[in-house]
Amino acid sequence: MEARQLSPLRMVTFARHLHRAGKDHGLAVWSLRNSVRGWNGPDRSALQDARWALQQIRAQHPGVPVYLVGTPWAASPP
């Protein structure tokens, strides 16, 4: 994953660390890049992207707990 903004870059680094630390314990780490930046009103693309990602994770890892980690949107300057 290529990050062009600081906030996603921090999350990519964090995700890599989680993967290295947890892979031997069965931890799966996924990174999501939203289809649009920011909040786009009633279309709620960020919400739709998150729902899609959760469906993908549940399909590949049924019955296991899922934890979401992220940064506030305010941390990503336009």
C-alpha atoms as a PDB file:
ATOM      1  CA  MET A   1       0.000   0.000   0.000  1.00  0.00           C
ATOM      2  CA  GLU A   2       1.315   3.427  -0.910  1.00  0.00           C
ATOM      3  CA  ALA A   3       0.424   6.281   1.419  1.00  0.00           C
ATOM      4  CA  ARG A   4       0.534   9.817   0.078  1.00  0.00           C
ATOM      5  CA  GLN A   5      -0.801  11.506   3.210  1.00  0.00           C
ATOM      6  CA  LEU A   6       0.737  11.437   6.692  1.00  0.00           C
ATOM      7  CA  SER A   7      -2.216   9.871   8.489  1.00  0.00           C
ATOM      8  CA  PRO A   8      -2.424   6.783   6.225  1.00  0.00           C
ATOM      9  CA  LEU A   9       1.364   6.498   6.281  1.00  0.00           C
ATOM     10  CA  ARG A  10       1.291   6.290  10.077  1.00  0.00           C
ATOM     11  CA  MET A  11      -1.369   3.572   9.892  1.00  0.00           C
ATOM     12  CA  VAL A  12       0.618   1.565   7.317  1.00  0.00           C
ATOM     13  CA  THR A  13       3.621   1.638   9.646  1.00  0.00           C
ATOM     14  CA  PHE A  14       1.418   0.626  12.588  1.00  0.00           C
ATOM     15  CA  ALA A  15      -0.206  -2.186  10.562  1.00  0.00           C
ATOM     16  CA  ARG A  16       3.206  -3.573   9.579  1.00  0.00           C
ATOM     17  CA  HIS A  17       4.266  -3.572  13.218  1.00  0.00           C
ATOM     18  CA  LEU A  18       1.054  -5.360  14.275  1.00  0.00           C
ATOM     19  CA  HIS A  19       1.563  -7.943  11.531  1.00  0.00           C
ATOM     20  CA  ARG A  20       5.134  -8.690  12.567  1.00  0.00           C
ATOM     21  CA  ALA A  21       4.225  -8.868  16.250  1.00  0.00           C
ATOM     22  CA  GLY A  22       1.103 -10.993  15.839  1.00  0.00           C
ATOM     23  CA  LYS A  23       1.533 -13.216  12.784  1.00  0.00           C
ATOM     24  CA  ASP A  24       2.869 -16.141  14.822  1.00  0.00           C
ATOM     25  CA  HIS A  25      -0.221 -15.890  17.056  1.00  0.00           C
ATOM     26  CA  GLY A  26      -2.758 -15.961  14.216  1.00  0.00           C
ATOM     27  CA  LEU A  27      -3.328 -12.209  13.981  1.00  0.00           C
ATOM     28  CA  ALA A  28      -4.467 -11.052  10.543  1.00  0.00           C
ATOM     29  CA  VAL A  29      -3.957  -7.377   9.715  1.00  0.00           C
ATOM     30  CA  TRP A  30      -5.867  -5.625   6.952  1.00  0.00           C
ATOM     31  CA  SER A  31      -5.489  -2.053   5.720  1.00  0.00           C
ATOM     32  CA  LEU A  32      -8.314  -0.176   4.046  1.00  0.00           C
ATOM     33  CA  ARG A  33      -7.904   2.757   1.744  1.00  0.00           C
ATOM     34  CA  ASN A  34     -11.209   4.572   1.398  1.00  0.00           C
ATOM     35  CA  SER A  35     -12.562   5.200  -2.087  1.00  0.00           C
ATOM     36  CA  VAL A  36     -12.799   8.940  -1.379  1.00  0.00           C
ATOM     37  CA  ARG A  37     -11.104  11.323   1.042  1.00  0.00           C
ATOM     38  CA  GLY A  38     -13.145  12.998   3.728  1.00  0.00           C
ATOM     39  CA  TRP A  39     -16.862  12.760   4.330  1.00  0.00           C
ATOM     40  CA  ASN A  40     -19.013  13.123   1.241  1.00  0.00           C
ATOM     41  CA  GLY A  41     -22.432  13.741   2.732  1.00  0.00           C
ATOM     42  CA  PRO A  42     -25.349  11.384   2.156  1.00  0.00           C
ATOM     43  CA  ASP A  43     -23.302   8.990  -0.013  1.00  0.00           C
ATOM     44  CA  ARG A  44     -21.324   8.012   3.094  1.00  0.00           C
ATOM     45  CA  SER A  45     -18.569   6.404   1.061  1.00  0.00           C
ATOM     46  CA  ALA A  46     -16.299   5.906   4.056  1.00  0.00           C
ATOM     47  CA  LEU A  47     -19.048   3.981   5.841  1.00  0.00           C
ATOM     48  CA  GLN A  48     -19.760   1.895   2.739  1.00  0.00           C
ATOM     49  CA  ASP A  49     -16.029   1.158   2.374  1.00  0.00           C
ATOM     50  CA  ALA A  50     -15.831   0.009   6.010  1.00  0.00           C
ATOM     51  CA  ARG A  51     -18.896  -2.223   5.606  1.00  0.00           C
ATOM     52  CA  TRP A  52     -17.399  -3.773   2.459  1.00  0.00           C
ATOM     53  CA  ALA A  53     -14.098  -4.431   4.245  1.00  0.00           C
ATOM     54  CA  LEU A  54     -15.855  -6.057   7.212  1.00  0.00           C
ATOM     55  CA  GLN A  55     -17.784  -8.340   4.835  1.00  0.00           C
ATOM     56  CA  GLN A  56     -14.501  -9.401   3.217  1.00  0.00           C
ATOM     57  CA  ILE A  57     -12.874 -10.072   6.593  1.00  0.00           C
ATOM     58  CA  ARG A  58     -15.866 -12.048   7.895  1.00  0.00           C
ATOM     59  CA  ALA A  59     -15.939 -14.137   4.725  1.00  0.00           C
ATOM     60  CA  GLN A  60     -12.276 -15.108   5.102  1.00  0.00           C
ATOM     61  CA  HIS A  61     -12.230 -15.368   8.899  1.00  0.00           C
ATOM     62  CA  PRO A  62     -15.742 -16.383  10.041  1.00  0.00           C
ATOM     63  CA  GLY A  63     -16.510 -16.358  13.725  1.00  0.00           C
ATOM     64  CA  VAL A  64     -13.396 -14.531  14.907  1.00  0.00           C
ATOM     65  CA  PRO A  65     -13.344 -11.161  16.674  1.00  0.00           C
ATOM     66  CA  VAL A  66     -12.650  -8.115  14.501  1.00  0.00           C
ATOM     67  CA  TYR A  67     -11.036  -4.950  15.862  1.00  0.00           C
ATOM     68  CA  LEU A  68     -10.865  -1.670  13.974  1.00  0.00           C
ATOM     69  CA  VAL A  69      -7.987   0.746  14.478  1.00  0.00           C
ATOM     70  CA  GLY A  70      -7.698   4.098  12.765  1.00  0.00           C
ATOM     71  CA  THR A  71      -6.965   7.763  13.035  1.00  0.00           C
ATOM     72  CA  PRO A  72      -9.450  10.616  13.223  1.00  0.00           C
ATOM     73  CA  TRP A  73     -10.207  12.261   9.899  1.00  0.00           C
ATOM     74  CA  ALA A  74      -9.255  15.581  11.408  1.00  0.00           C
ATOM     75  CA  ALA A  75      -5.678  14.285  11.510  1.00  0.00           C
ATOM     76  CA  SER A  76      -5.586  14.205   7.701  1.00  0.00           C
ATOM     77  CA  PRO A  77      -5.187  17.691   6.274  1.00  0.00           C
ATOM     78  CA  PRO A  78      -6.775  18.270   2.853  1.00  0.00           C
END
